[in-house]
Protein backbone atom coordinates (compact mmCIF):
# COMPACT_ATOMS: atom_id res chain seq x y z
CA MET A 1 92.30 -28.31 -45.96
CA THR A 2 92.61 -27.21 -42.30
CA ALA A 3 92.28 -29.18 -38.95
CA ASP A 4 90.47 -27.97 -35.82
CA LEU A 5 91.43 -28.27 -32.32
CA PHE A 6 89.62 -31.80 -32.36
CA ASN A 7 91.63 -32.82 -35.36
CA HIS A 8 88.60 -32.91 -37.62
CA LEU A 9 89.63 -32.02 -41.23
CA TRP A 10 87.56 -29.25 -42.93
CA GLN A 11 87.79 -28.46 -46.64
CA SER A 12 86.13 -25.48 -48.59
CA THR A 13 86.33 -24.73 -52.06
CA LEU A 14 86.81 -21.06 -53.68
CA PHE A 15 85.86 -20.34 -57.26
CA ALA A 16 86.99 -17.11 -58.79
CA ALA A 17 85.68 -15.49 -61.90
CA GLY A 18 87.11 -12.51 -63.86
CA GLY A 19 85.12 -10.11 -65.93
CA ALA A 20 83.88 -6.54 -65.74
CA ALA A 21 83.30 -7.15 -61.90
CA PRO A 22 85.38 -9.89 -60.56
CA ARG A 23 83.66 -12.06 -57.99
CA ALA A 24 84.35 -15.31 -56.12
CA ILE A 25 82.09 -17.96 -54.45
CA VAL A 26 83.11 -20.00 -51.28
CA LEU A 27 81.49 -23.36 -51.56
CA GLU A 28 81.37 -25.12 -48.15
CA PHE A 29 80.42 -28.73 -48.36
CA LYS A 30 78.72 -30.34 -45.25
CA THR A 31 77.15 -33.67 -44.42
CA GLY A 32 74.58 -34.24 -41.90
CA ALA A 33 71.90 -31.75 -40.59
CA PRO A 34 72.45 -27.93 -40.76
CA LEU A 35 74.00 -26.67 -37.55
CA PRO A 36 74.29 -23.02 -36.41
CA TRP A 37 77.97 -23.08 -36.50
CA HIS A 38 78.03 -24.05 -40.19
CA GLN A 39 76.78 -20.43 -41.07
CA ILE A 40 79.63 -18.94 -38.76
CA GLN A 41 82.48 -21.09 -40.32
CA LEU A 42 81.22 -20.00 -43.66
CA ALA A 43 81.31 -16.45 -42.80
CA GLN A 44 84.87 -16.69 -41.63
CA TYR A 45 85.87 -18.20 -45.00
CA VAL A 46 84.20 -15.55 -46.84
CA ALA A 47 86.02 -13.01 -44.86
CA ALA A 48 89.39 -14.63 -45.57
CA ALA A 49 88.61 -14.76 -49.32
CA GLN A 50 87.78 -11.11 -49.17
CA ALA A 51 91.07 -10.38 -47.59
CA LEU A 52 92.98 -12.37 -50.27
CA LEU A 53 91.00 -11.04 -53.13
CA PRO A 54 90.60 -7.10 -52.44
CA GLY A 55 88.14 -5.49 -55.07
CA THR A 56 86.29 -8.73 -55.61
CA ALA A 57 82.71 -9.50 -54.76
CA VAL A 58 82.73 -12.69 -52.47
CA GLU A 59 79.76 -14.67 -51.88
CA GLY A 60 79.30 -17.97 -49.78
CA ALA A 61 77.19 -21.01 -50.07
CA LEU A 62 76.74 -24.10 -47.80
CA ILE A 63 76.02 -27.29 -49.67
CA TYR A 64 74.73 -30.25 -47.59
CA ALA A 65 75.50 -33.62 -49.10
CA PRO A 66 73.76 -36.66 -48.10
CA ASP A 67 75.61 -38.96 -45.54
CA ARG A 68 77.14 -41.96 -46.91
CA GLN A 69 76.83 -45.18 -45.08
């Protein structure tokens, strides 16, 4: 979990699977409406995972959960 300049907490999940061609998927969970910066944030997480997992195909996905009230 990381915090931004406004002290909001962010969490992302990384799944890695072995096999003939190792791959990983970064799942970023969001609530509320999709915003342009969500895709930018996901791209940063994917880039970080690629740096941590050289030789691994890394994909990313945004998952929007309904707001809980």
